[in-house]
């Protein structure tokens, strides 16, 4: 088992979903992990230190000092761990993480930890959708932390929506994947992946663009590299980062620049995954100076960009070519049409009608089409979606 002998700190904060941690601790111990638990003061209103101590076979930490005034060394505990899990993580604790407020034992352990950190948020749907929470989740991700997205379902408030803590089985699976040695199934394969938006300049300070963050493409690149592939990742403007020697990152801005860069590498690629949200149109005239505001209307004439994916389909030889379709209506019909017209081997459909899917989300919900089959997936983190897509491609190769 991948969790055998692993040392895990579980930080539980004050939310009703804390009761699920009894089941998770039981399953972690069954999997061979050694679990030490830290409860915030408010978490103790929802779960019993005695129950968790019995399940984990360790004393539970609740403060810097025990009842007998023995000091609990937060640094020593933090350095002991192979992984730290915050579940459920409330909006309050998430905010502390992002700005570095260290006002309890759990935060002292967190800020001393050098191990990977996984955060599983849980809160009511309106809180989860609040811009501050969305920003804080992105900030936590930028620290290198893994986010297990909240799930859709009935909440303690009686409302239904996204905000439920991920089920213990889902959290356990993420932890197992964290420690599993990925099989080098793509060793010797060359991947070409595109990510992010393109920006089409109107003048030196304005552009036509879209809301793509690039996260899906970056997660695909990371997962392919983890499986042994050599990856060329061509990205439009994005704050996403990679630090893997098997990933060559090429940054571009416009659709034309992406077109030129793609065809530097396409001929040698074994697999090409085009997840970038490339602008279909670009201004016919790009002003050399900033366009000044006028009282009357401003008209900008747009012309079509070169169709990168169609050109790749026309030039396809040995490559396994994958496209993406982000749709808002007639989703499946449009995706199948794109699959055929652009000579793709596979297309990945996601719809803006599905809550949690599409641009600027940590999650995605996709459906795969090939000329002969289709497969649907539930809403998942984009890291998990990347694994699903590459598992599918493995089968085809």
Foldseek 3Di string as FASTA:
>chain_A
DLQAAAEEEEEEEADLLSVLVLVLLLVSVVVHHQYEYEYEPNNCVRDPQVSSCVSRVHRHHYFQADPVRHGDDLLVSQAPHQEYEYPADELVNLVCVLVVDDDTSVSSNVVNHPHAYEYFYADDPVVCPDPSNLVSVVSCVVVVHHYWFFAFAQDPVRDTGGGHTDHSVVVVVVVSVVRDQAALLQAPAEEEEEFEKAWFAQEPPDTDIDQAQRVLRVLLQVVNVSSHYQYEYEYADHPDDDDDPSYHYHYDHAPVVVLVVCVVCLVRHQEYEYPYHHDQKHFPDRHHHDDDDDPDDDDTDIDGDDDSLLVCLVVDDNHQYEYEDEEAPPFVVVQVVCCVNSNHQKYKYFYPVDPQDDHSHQWHWIKMDGPVDIGGDDITGSSVVSVVVVVVVSVVD
